[in-house]
C-alpha atoms as a PDB file:
ATOM      1  CA  MET A   1    -199.618-240.156  64.182  1.00  0.00           C
ATOM      2  CA  SER A   2    -202.188-242.487  65.965  1.00  0.00           C
ATOM      3  CA  ARG A   3    -201.147-245.923  67.544  1.00  0.00           C
ATOM      4  CA  PHE A   4    -203.171-247.519  64.660  1.00  0.00           C
ATOM      5  CA  ALA A   5    -200.992-245.576  62.056  1.00  0.00           C
ATOM      6  CA  ILE A   6    -197.809-246.795  63.970  1.00  0.00           C
ATOM      7  CA  LEU A   7    -198.763-250.258  64.247  1.00  0.00           C
ATOM      8  CA  SER A   8    -199.649-250.199  60.557  1.00  0.00           C
ATOM      9  CA  ALA A   9    -196.339-248.725  59.378  1.00  0.00           C
ATOM     10  CA  VAL A  10    -194.299-251.269  61.528  1.00  0.00           C
ATOM     11  CA  SER A  11    -196.580-253.956  59.978  1.00  0.00           C
ATOM     12  CA  LEU A  12    -196.053-253.189  56.517  1.00  0.00           C
ATOM     13  CA  SER A  13    -192.282-252.378  57.313  1.00  0.00           C
ATOM     14  CA  LEU A  14    -192.012-256.207  58.329  1.00  0.00           C
ATOM     15  CA  MET A  15    -194.109-257.419  55.524  1.00  0.00           C
ATOM     16  CA  SER A  16    -191.729-255.518  53.071  1.00  0.00           C
ATOM     17  CA  THR A  17    -188.800-257.150  54.693  1.00  0.00           C
ATOM     18  CA  ALA A  18    -190.267-260.294  54.784  1.00  0.00           C
ATOM     19  CA  MET A  19    -190.934-260.489  51.016  1.00  0.00           C
ATOM     20  CA  ALA A  20    -188.472-262.321  48.831  1.00  0.00           C
ATOM     21  CA  ASP A  21    -186.643-260.554  46.234  1.00  0.00           C
ATOM     22  CA  PRO A  22    -188.523-261.632  42.831  1.00  0.00           C
ATOM     23  CA  LEU A  23    -185.289-261.739  40.902  1.00  0.00           C
ATOM     24  CA  LEU A  24    -183.324-263.986  43.713  1.00  0.00           C
ATOM     25  CA  GLU A  25    -186.585-265.971  43.145  1.00  0.00           C
ATOM     26  CA  MET A  26    -186.230-266.472  39.498  1.00  0.00           C
ATOM     27  CA  MET A  27    -182.262-267.114  40.050  1.00  0.00           C
ATOM     28  CA  GLY A  28    -183.464-269.856  42.133  1.00  0.00           C
ATOM     29  CA  ASP A  29    -186.082-271.275  39.711  1.00  0.00           C
ATOM     30  CA  MET A  30    -183.558-271.485  36.919  1.00  0.00           C
ATOM     31  CA  SER A  31    -182.911-274.692  35.641  1.00  0.00           C
ATOM     32  CA  ASP A  32    -179.872-276.512  33.891  1.00  0.00           C
ATOM     33  CA  GLU A  33    -181.735-278.741  31.950  1.00  0.00           C
ATOM     34  CA  GLY A  34    -181.282-278.923  28.229  1.00  0.00           C
ATOM     35  CA  PRO A  35    -178.953-280.166  25.724  1.00  0.00           C
ATOM     36  CA  LEU A  36    -175.299-281.377  26.091  1.00  0.00           C
ATOM     37  CA  TYR A  37    -172.822-279.084  23.898  1.00  0.00           C
ATOM     38  CA  ALA A  38    -169.649-279.826  22.907  1.00  0.00           C
ATOM     39  CA  TYR A  39    -167.126-276.886  23.522  1.00  0.00           C
ATOM     40  CA  GLU A  40    -163.471-275.879  22.693  1.00  0.00           C
ATOM     41  CA  THR A  41    -161.332-274.672  25.736  1.00  0.00           C
ATOM     42  CA  GLN A  42    -157.852-273.628  26.897  1.00  0.00           C
ATOM     43  CA  PHE A  43    -156.136-274.386  30.052  1.00  0.00           C
ATOM     44  CA  ALA A  44    -152.885-275.210  31.544  1.00  0.00           C
ATOM     45  CA  TRP A  45    -151.894-278.235  33.489  1.00  0.00           C
ATOM     46  CA  ASP A  46    -148.532-278.830  35.140  1.00  0.00           C
ATOM     47  CA  GLY A  47    -147.850-275.396  33.651  1.00  0.00           C
ATOM     48  CA  ILE A  48    -148.076-276.773  29.962  1.00  0.00           C
ATOM     49  CA  PRO A  49    -150.744-274.020  28.147  1.00  0.00           C
ATOM     50  CA  ALA A  50    -153.344-276.556  26.018  1.00  0.00           C
ATOM     51  CA  THR A  51    -156.320-276.208  23.892  1.00  0.00           C
ATOM     52  CA  ALA A  52    -158.876-278.923  23.667  1.00  0.00           C
ATOM     53  CA  ARG A  53    -162.246-280.327  22.051  1.00  0.00           C
ATOM     54  CA  VAL A  54    -164.668-281.605  24.750  1.00  0.00           C
ATOM     55  CA  ASP A  55    -167.571-283.702  23.676  1.00  0.00           C
ATOM     56  CA  PRO A  56    -169.229-285.061  26.873  1.00  0.00           C
ATOM     57  CA  SER A  57    -171.676-287.507  24.747  1.00  0.00           C
ATOM     58  CA  GLN A  58    -168.476-289.693  24.120  1.00  0.00           C
ATOM     59  CA  PRO A  59    -167.875-292.519  26.841  1.00  0.00           C
ATOM     60  CA  ALA A  60    -165.272-291.918  29.487  1.00  0.00           C
ATOM     61  CA  GLY A  61    -161.795-291.772  27.890  1.00  0.00           C
ATOM     62  CA  GLU A  62    -162.846-290.220  24.892  1.00  0.00           C
ATOM     63  CA  ARG A  63    -164.483-286.996  25.642  1.00  0.00           C
ATOM     64  CA  ILE A  64    -161.407-284.564  25.720  1.00  0.00           C
ATOM     65  CA  LYS A  65    -159.137-284.595  22.664  1.00  0.00           C
ATOM     66  CA  ILE A  66    -156.146-282.273  23.197  1.00  0.00           C
ATOM     67  CA  LEU A  67    -155.588-280.019  20.172  1.00  0.00           C
ATOM     68  CA  THR A  68    -152.217-278.471  21.271  1.00  0.00           C
ATOM     69  CA  PRO A  69    -149.810-279.393  22.530  1.00  0.00           C
ATOM     70  CA  THR A  70    -148.815-282.649  20.729  1.00  0.00           C
ATOM     71  CA  GLU A  71    -148.600-285.435  22.930  1.00  0.00           C
ATOM     72  CA  SER A  72    -144.675-285.883  22.672  1.00  0.00           C
ATOM     73  CA  ASP A  73    -145.047-282.610  24.749  1.00  0.00           C
ATOM     74  CA  TRP A  74    -146.997-283.964  27.477  1.00  0.00           C
ATOM     75  CA  SER A  75    -145.713-284.606  30.952  1.00  0.00           C
ATOM     76  CA  ASP A  76    -146.383-287.479  33.046  1.00  0.00           C
ATOM     77  CA  THR A  77    -148.617-285.239  35.023  1.00  0.00           C
ATOM     78  CA  PHE A  78    -150.317-283.724  32.411  1.00  0.00           C
ATOM     79  CA  ARG A  79    -151.260-287.077  31.157  1.00  0.00           C
ATOM     80  CA  GLU A  80    -152.809-288.208  34.495  1.00  0.00           C
ATOM     81  CA  GLU A  81    -154.537-284.908  34.730  1.00  0.00           C
ATOM     82  CA  LEU A  82    -156.208-285.641  31.190  1.00  0.00           C
ATOM     83  CA  GLU A  83    -157.593-289.131  32.682  1.00  0.00           C
ATOM     84  CA  THR A  84    -159.002-287.645  35.733  1.00  0.00           C
ATOM     85  CA  ARG A  85    -160.531-284.712  33.673  1.00  0.00           C
ATOM     86  CA  ASP A  86    -162.038-286.832  30.952  1.00  0.00           C
ATOM     87  CA  ALA A  87    -163.737-288.932  33.475  1.00  0.00           C
ATOM     88  CA  SER A  88    -165.649-286.053  34.953  1.00  0.00           C
ATOM     89  CA  ALA A  89    -166.378-284.354  31.871  1.00  0.00           C
ATOM     90  CA  GLU A  90    -169.878-284.600  31.705  1.00  0.00           C
ATOM     91  CA  GLY A  91    -170.933-281.431  30.105  1.00  0.00           C
ATOM     92  CA  ASP A  92    -171.708-279.719  33.560  1.00  0.00           C
ATOM     93  CA  ILE A  93    -170.859-276.074  32.127  1.00  0.00           C
ATOM     94  CA  TRP A  94    -173.921-274.308  33.738  1.00  0.00           C
ATOM     95  CA  CYS A  95    -174.050-271.157  35.916  1.00  0.00           C
ATOM     96  CA  THR A  96    -177.144-272.432  37.633  1.00  0.00           C
ATOM     97  CA  GLU A  97    -175.170-274.179  40.380  1.00  0.00           C
ATOM     98  CA  PHE A  98    -173.715-271.065  41.411  1.00  0.00           C
ATOM     99  CA  GLY A  99    -177.170-269.546  42.132  1.00  0.00           C
ATOM    100  CA  GLN A 100    -177.376-272.375  44.972  1.00  0.00           C
ATOM    101  CA  MET A 101    -174.718-270.467  47.052  1.00  0.00           C
ATOM    102  CA  VAL A 102    -176.902-267.174  47.035  1.00  0.00           C
ATOM    103  CA  PRO A 103    -179.161-266.794  50.105  1.00  0.00           C
ATOM    104  CA  MET A 104    -182.552-265.157  49.520  1.00  0.00           C
ATOM    105  CA  ASP A 105    -181.612-262.449  51.628  1.00  0.00           C
ATOM    106  CA  ALA A 106    -178.938-261.448  49.767  1.00  0.00           C
ATOM    107  CA  LYS A 107    -178.398-257.564  49.418  1.00  0.00           C
ATOM    108  CA  ILE A 108    -178.498-255.285  46.212  1.00  0.00           C
ATOM    109  CA  THR A 109    -175.378-252.882  45.859  1.00  0.00           C
ATOM    110  CA  ALA A 110    -175.585-252.036  42.244  1.00  0.00           C
ATOM    111  CA  GLU A 111    -178.297-251.600  39.605  1.00  0.00           C
ATOM    112  CA  SER A 112    -178.140-250.996  35.880  1.00  0.00           C
ATOM    113  CA  ASP A 113    -180.971-251.045  32.885  1.00  0.00           C
ATOM    114  CA  THR A 114    -179.872-254.935  32.166  1.00  0.00           C
ATOM    115  CA  THR A 115    -178.379-256.112  35.647  1.00  0.00           C
ATOM    116  CA  VAL A 116    -178.627-256.401  39.396  1.00  0.00           C
ATOM    117  CA  THR A 117    -175.566-257.003  41.626  1.00  0.00           C
ATOM    118  CA  TYR A 118    -175.788-258.504  44.965  1.00  0.00           C
ATOM    119  CA  ALA A 119    -173.696-259.301  47.927  1.00  0.00           C
ATOM    120  CA  PHE A 120    -173.923-261.954  50.792  1.00  0.00           C
ATOM    121  CA  THR A 121    -172.135-264.795  52.712  1.00  0.00           C
ATOM    122  CA  PRO A 122    -172.400-268.161  50.450  1.00  0.00           C
ATOM    123  CA  VAL A 123    -174.428-270.695  51.430  1.00  0.00           C
ATOM    124  CA  PRO A 124    -172.449-274.150  51.569  1.00  0.00           C
ATOM    125  CA  GLU A 125    -173.534-277.037  49.393  1.00  0.00           C
ATOM    126  CA  PRO A 126    -175.766-279.776  51.089  1.00  0.00           C
ATOM    127  CA  ASP A 127    -172.924-282.219  51.308  1.00  0.00           C
ATOM    128  CA  ALA A 128    -170.360-279.786  52.656  1.00  0.00           C
ATOM    129  CA  ASP A 129    -168.307-281.015  55.632  1.00  0.00           C
ATOM    130  CA  ARG A 130    -167.897-278.918  58.900  1.00  0.00           C
ATOM    131  CA  ASN A 131    -164.608-277.350  57.754  1.00  0.00           C
ATOM    132  CA  GLU A 132    -166.148-276.373  54.458  1.00  0.00           C
ATOM    133  CA  GLN A 133    -169.302-274.748  56.252  1.00  0.00           C
ATOM    134  CA  LYS A 134    -166.912-272.909  58.520  1.00  0.00           C
ATOM    135  CA  MET A 135    -164.785-271.568  55.572  1.00  0.00           C
ATOM    136  CA  MET A 136    -167.920-270.341  53.645  1.00  0.00           C
ATOM    137  CA  LYS A 137    -168.812-268.072  56.808  1.00  0.00           C
ATOM    138  CA  GLN A 138    -165.628-266.385  56.106  1.00  0.00           C
ATOM    139  CA  LEU A 139    -165.956-265.485  52.506  1.00  0.00           C
ATOM    140  CA  ASP A 140    -167.969-262.608  50.835  1.00  0.00           C
ATOM    141  CA  GLY A 141    -169.876-263.320  47.747  1.00  0.00           C
ATOM    142  CA  THR A 142    -170.959-261.302  44.559  1.00  0.00           C
ATOM    143  CA  VAL A 143    -172.965-262.075  42.241  1.00  0.00           C
ATOM    144  CA  ILE A 144    -174.538-260.356  38.934  1.00  0.00           C
ATOM    145  CA  LEU A 145    -177.974-261.391  37.566  1.00  0.00           C
ATOM    146  CA  ASP A 146    -179.809-260.683  34.464  1.00  0.00           C
ATOM    147  CA  ARG A 147    -182.698-258.284  35.205  1.00  0.00           C
ATOM    148  CA  THR A 148    -184.793-260.158  32.724  1.00  0.00           C
ATOM    149  CA  ASP A 149    -184.915-263.830  34.043  1.00  0.00           C
ATOM    150  CA  GLY A 150    -182.471-263.946  36.860  1.00  0.00           C
ATOM    151  CA  ALA A 151    -179.837-265.961  35.064  1.00  0.00           C
ATOM    152  CA  VAL A 152    -176.356-265.398  36.730  1.00  0.00           C
ATOM    153  CA  LEU A 153    -174.222-263.541  34.558  1.00  0.00           C
ATOM    154  CA  ALA A 154    -170.948-263.438  37.124  1.00  0.00           C
ATOM    155  CA  PHE A 155    -170.005-264.657  40.499  1.00  0.00           C
ATOM    156  CA  ARG A 156    -167.453-263.962  42.789  1.00  0.00           C
ATOM    157  CA  MET A 157    -166.036-265.312  45.995  1.00  0.00           C
ATOM    158  CA  HIS A 158    -162.894-264.049  48.084  1.00  0.00           C
ATOM    159  CA  LEU A 159    -161.681-263.976  51.510  1.00  0.00           C
ATOM    160  CA  PRO A 160    -161.432-260.380  52.822  1.00  0.00           C
ATOM    161  CA  LYS A 161    -158.926-261.558  55.282  1.00  0.00           C
ATOM    162  CA  PRO A 162    -156.663-264.380  56.287  1.00  0.00           C
ATOM    163  CA  TYR A 163    -158.173-267.085  57.788  1.00  0.00           C
ATOM    164  CA  LYS A 164    -156.997-269.849  60.278  1.00  0.00           C
ATOM    165  CA  PRO A 165    -159.195-273.159  59.960  1.00  0.00           C
ATOM    166  CA  ALA A 166    -156.908-275.183  62.543  1.00  0.00           C
ATOM    167  CA  MET A 167    -153.871-274.192  64.624  1.00  0.00           C
ATOM    168  CA  VAL A 168    -151.269-275.649  62.016  1.00  0.00           C
ATOM    169  CA  ALA A 169    -152.884-274.419  58.934  1.00  0.00           C
ATOM    170  CA  LYS A 170    -153.602-270.689  57.417  1.00  0.00           C
ATOM    171  CA  ILE A 171    -155.526-269.440  54.581  1.00  0.00           C
ATOM    172  CA  ASN A 172    -153.618-266.236  52.960  1.00  0.00           C
ATOM    173  CA  ALA A 173    -155.942-265.746  49.971  1.00  0.00           C
ATOM    174  CA  PHE A 174    -158.676-266.898  48.464  1.00  0.00           C
ATOM    175  CA  GLU A 175    -160.569-265.980  45.372  1.00  0.00           C
ATOM    176  CA  MET A 176    -162.856-267.600  42.623  1.00  0.00           C
ATOM    177  CA  ASP A 177    -164.148-265.381  39.769  1.00  0.00           C
ATOM    178  CA  VAL A 178    -166.838-266.927  37.122  1.00  0.00           C
ATOM    179  CA  ALA A 179    -167.687-264.810  33.877  1.00  0.00           C
ATOM    180  CA  CYS A 180    -170.838-266.489  32.361  1.00  0.00           C
ATOM    181  CA  ALA A 181    -172.134-266.270  28.580  1.00  0.00           C
ATOM    182  CA  ARG A 182    -175.347-267.047  26.995  1.00  0.00           C
ATOM    183  CA  ALA A 183    -175.818-270.609  25.305  1.00  0.00           C
ATOM    184  CA  PRO A 184    -178.034-270.575  22.252  1.00  0.00           C
ATOM    185  CA  ASP A 185    -180.826-272.009  24.225  1.00  0.00           C
ATOM    186  CA  GLY A 186    -180.922-269.233  26.599  1.00  0.00           C
ATOM    187  CA  ARG A 187    -178.996-271.062  29.569  1.00  0.00           C
ATOM    188  CA  THR A 188    -175.481-269.180  30.742  1.00  0.00           C
ATOM    189  CA  PHE A 189    -172.637-271.284  31.140  1.00  0.00           C
ATOM    190  CA  ILE A 190    -169.015-270.606  32.431  1.00  0.00           C
ATOM    191  CA  GLU A 191    -167.129-268.978  29.814  1.00  0.00           C
ATOM    192  CA  ASP A 192    -163.922-268.117  32.195  1.00  0.00           C
ATOM    193  CA  PHE A 193    -163.121-269.229  35.464  1.00  0.00           C
ATOM    194  CA  LYS A 194    -160.307-268.420  37.855  1.00  0.00           C
ATOM    195  CA  PHE A 195    -159.286-269.756  41.152  1.00  0.00           C
ATOM    196  CA  ASP A 196    -156.451-268.728  43.366  1.00  0.00           C
ATOM    197  CA  ILE A 197    -155.696-269.736  46.707  1.00  0.00           C
ATOM    198  CA  SER A 198    -152.631-269.737  49.095  1.00  0.00           C
ATOM    199  CA  GLY A 199    -151.575-270.273  52.560  1.00  0.00           C
ATOM    200  CA  SER A 200    -149.553-272.652  54.713  1.00  0.00           C
ATOM    201  CA  ALA A 201    -150.273-275.978  56.284  1.00  0.00           C
ATOM    202  CA  MET A 202    -147.987-278.098  58.824  1.00  0.00           C
ATOM    203  CA  MET A 203    -145.272-275.251  58.076  1.00  0.00           C
ATOM    204  CA  GLN A 204    -145.380-276.075  54.649  1.00  0.00           C
ATOM    205  CA  SER A 205    -146.651-273.162  52.222  1.00  0.00           C
ATOM    206  CA  PHE A 206    -148.747-273.988  49.425  1.00  0.00           C
ATOM    207  CA  GLU A 207    -150.289-272.132  46.566  1.00  0.00           C
ATOM    208  CA  GLU A 208    -152.787-272.967  43.471  1.00  0.00           C
ATOM    209  CA  SER A 209    -153.813-271.237  40.703  1.00  0.00           C
ATOM    210  CA  VAL A 210    -156.335-272.343  38.087  1.00  0.00           C
ATOM    211  CA  SER A 211    -157.664-270.711  34.970  1.00  0.00           C
ATOM    212  CA  ARG A 212    -159.956-272.112  32.156  1.00  0.00           C
ATOM    213  CA  GLN A 213    -162.031-270.856  29.260  1.00  0.00           C
ATOM    214  CA  ILE A 214    -164.405-272.015  27.129  1.00  0.00           C
ATOM    215  CA  THR A 215    -163.707-270.632  23.651  1.00  0.00           C
ATOM    216  CA  LYS A 216    -166.256-271.816  21.645  1.00  0.00           C
ATOM    217  CA  LEU A 217    -169.605-273.487  22.289  1.00  0.00           C
ATOM    218  CA  LEU A 218    -170.106-275.978  19.429  1.00  0.00           C
ATOM    219  CA  GLU A 219    -172.862-277.768  18.308  1.00  0.00           C
ATOM    220  CA  PRO A 220    -175.431-279.542  20.880  1.00  0.00           C
ATOM    221  CA  VAL A 221    -174.452-283.396  21.262  1.00  0.00           C
ATOM    222  CA  GLY A 222    -177.122-284.977  23.257  1.00  0.00           C
END
């Protein structure tokens, strides 16, 4: 092979490496702009299973209507959690936000006729502090994108091995799983969310598990 041919092959290889994945670019260009939706959801606060209707167009304090259980069965912690969650229920249920944590050099690990799966090290949010940035470097991420438009269909982050962020702290397990579904306007929303973390800090063990589902997307409310 001539020197020119070798240099051309190397040049083409470098150009191919540098080219961005068009599906990842589509993911990055996805917008969460659109109407607000009311929805029905189920979750558990303070160990109390609950169902609720959420209307983010209402003023704070009136957004979440608990359907079950009846108020007589609420604990003080449940009531406090309701107040906190109601204030922040602004309709931010879209899966586009997870795309911001996927770098443009994510690697394809699986493909089907309709989806492409990527693996990556998650990108910290712009306002992440130093500890959060260090933590993100320890995580393995996976995202499944719709082949037609780059919409996020599923997102996962997990800690492959225990991590010590400080001398007196250790995270034994960390896992976040998100499954998305299509809204009538084409955006994908967080249909199922699960988060688990366990470890120890200052010689005290801790464990947290969060699970919530949007069981029904209702009418646009704004």
